[in-house]
Amino acid sequence: MEGVCVAAAYSCTDEEARGWADEIRARFGSRFNEYIAPLALSIGCHTGPGAFGVGCVRMAALGRERK
């Protein structure tokens, strides 16, 4: 998974999100770019509380290829 960025979103408490981010960090290491944010209301209203999401994107697609 070289050149891949991992980000996360949630609809739980900030404390739960931090714990979940620790799990992601342990699994993906430096690929987890520390971008974690609440889910948008347009998604959260359908999922309800307690939802977690992980997204992966190629760094080149972001214009930030790692050296």
C-alpha atoms as a PDB file:
ATOM      1  CA  MET A   1       0.000   0.000   0.000  1.00  0.00           C
ATOM      2  CA  GLU A   2       2.743   2.444  -0.875  1.00  0.00           C
ATOM      3  CA  GLY A   3       1.525   5.928  -1.694  1.00  0.00           C
ATOM      4  CA  VAL A   4      -1.875   5.349  -0.062  1.00  0.00           C
ATOM      5  CA  CYS A   5      -3.436   7.679   2.491  1.00  0.00           C
ATOM      6  CA  VAL A   6      -5.948   6.421   5.089  1.00  0.00           C
ATOM      7  CA  ALA A   7      -8.533   8.775   6.657  1.00  0.00           C
ATOM      8  CA  ALA A   8     -11.477   8.219   9.020  1.00  0.00           C
ATOM      9  CA  ALA A   9     -14.907   9.641   9.855  1.00  0.00           C
ATOM     10  CA  TYR A  10     -17.316   8.928  12.716  1.00  0.00           C
ATOM     11  CA  SER A  11     -20.674   9.646  14.345  1.00  0.00           C
ATOM     12  CA  CYS A  12     -19.793   8.754  17.924  1.00  0.00           C
ATOM     13  CA  THR A  13     -18.266  10.658  20.816  1.00  0.00           C
ATOM     14  CA  ASP A  14     -14.859  12.289  20.421  1.00  0.00           C
ATOM     15  CA  GLU A  15     -13.470   9.901  23.056  1.00  0.00           C
ATOM     16  CA  GLU A  16     -14.672   6.842  21.111  1.00  0.00           C
ATOM     17  CA  ALA A  17     -13.270   8.344  17.905  1.00  0.00           C
ATOM     18  CA  ARG A  18      -9.825   8.818  19.500  1.00  0.00           C
ATOM     19  CA  GLY A  19      -9.816   5.158  20.604  1.00  0.00           C
ATOM     20  CA  TRP A  20     -10.821   4.068  17.128  1.00  0.00           C
ATOM     21  CA  ALA A  21      -8.106   6.275  15.599  1.00  0.00           C
ATOM     22  CA  ASP A  22      -5.578   4.469  17.822  1.00  0.00           C
ATOM     23  CA  GLU A  23      -6.733   1.142  16.341  1.00  0.00           C
ATOM     24  CA  ILE A  24      -6.388   2.501  12.793  1.00  0.00           C
ATOM     25  CA  ARG A  25      -2.937   3.893  13.589  1.00  0.00           C
ATOM     26  CA  ALA A  26      -1.841   0.499  14.970  1.00  0.00           C
ATOM     27  CA  ARG A  27      -3.036  -1.280  11.837  1.00  0.00           C
ATOM     28  CA  PHE A  28      -1.991   1.191   9.116  1.00  0.00           C
ATOM     29  CA  GLY A  29       0.924   3.042  10.762  1.00  0.00           C
ATOM     30  CA  SER A  30       2.246   6.028   8.830  1.00  0.00           C
ATOM     31  CA  ARG A  31      -0.365   5.580   6.072  1.00  0.00           C
ATOM     32  CA  PHE A  32      -2.991   6.928   8.494  1.00  0.00           C
ATOM     33  CA  ASN A  33      -2.682  10.645   7.811  1.00  0.00           C
ATOM     34  CA  GLU A  34      -4.343  11.658  11.083  1.00  0.00           C
ATOM     35  CA  TYR A  35      -7.349  13.061   9.232  1.00  0.00           C
ATOM     36  CA  ILE A  36     -10.337  12.081  11.332  1.00  0.00           C
ATOM     37  CA  ALA A  37     -13.552  14.085  11.316  1.00  0.00           C
ATOM     38  CA  PRO A  38     -17.232  13.764  12.181  1.00  0.00           C
ATOM     39  CA  LEU A  39     -19.416  12.367   9.420  1.00  0.00           C
ATOM     40  CA  ALA A  40     -21.373  14.974   7.500  1.00  0.00           C
ATOM     41  CA  LEU A  41     -24.944  15.451   8.705  1.00  0.00           C
ATOM     42  CA  SER A  42     -26.206  14.188   5.331  1.00  0.00           C
ATOM     43  CA  ILE A  43     -24.625  10.798   6.121  1.00  0.00           C
ATOM     44  CA  GLY A  44     -24.984  10.800   9.910  1.00  0.00           C
ATOM     45  CA  CYS A  45     -28.758  11.277   9.719  1.00  0.00           C
ATOM     46  CA  HIS A  46     -28.958   7.910   7.891  1.00  0.00           C
ATOM     47  CA  THR A  47     -26.396   5.957   9.930  1.00  0.00           C
ATOM     48  CA  GLY A  48     -27.271   7.295  13.366  1.00  0.00           C
ATOM     49  CA  PRO A  49     -24.816   7.428  16.255  1.00  0.00           C
ATOM     50  CA  GLY A  50     -21.885   5.030  16.476  1.00  0.00           C
ATOM     51  CA  ALA A  51     -20.961   4.818  12.791  1.00  0.00           C
ATOM     52  CA  PHE A  52     -17.314   4.612  11.721  1.00  0.00           C
ATOM     53  CA  GLY A  53     -15.871   4.919   8.238  1.00  0.00           C
ATOM     54  CA  VAL A  54     -12.413   4.500   6.716  1.00  0.00           C
ATOM     55  CA  GLY A  55     -11.354   5.821   3.343  1.00  0.00           C
ATOM     56  CA  CYS A  56      -8.226   5.112   1.318  1.00  0.00           C
ATOM     57  CA  VAL A  57      -6.937   7.267  -1.511  1.00  0.00           C
ATOM     58  CA  ARG A  58      -3.782   7.299  -3.617  1.00  0.00           C
ATOM     59  CA  MET A  59      -1.512  10.168  -2.611  1.00  0.00           C
ATOM     60  CA  ALA A  60      -0.999  11.024  -6.297  1.00  0.00           C
ATOM     61  CA  ALA A  61      -4.743  11.696  -6.582  1.00  0.00           C
ATOM     62  CA  LEU A  62      -4.318  14.293  -3.846  1.00  0.00           C
ATOM     63  CA  GLY A  63      -1.305  15.810  -5.565  1.00  0.00           C
ATOM     64  CA  ARG A  64       0.880  14.775  -2.596  1.00  0.00           C
ATOM     65  CA  GLU A  65       3.043  11.883  -3.744  1.00  0.00           C
ATOM     66  CA  ARG A  66       5.327  10.726  -0.943  1.00  0.00           C
ATOM     67  CA  LYS A  67       9.048  10.859  -1.599  1.00  0.00           C
END
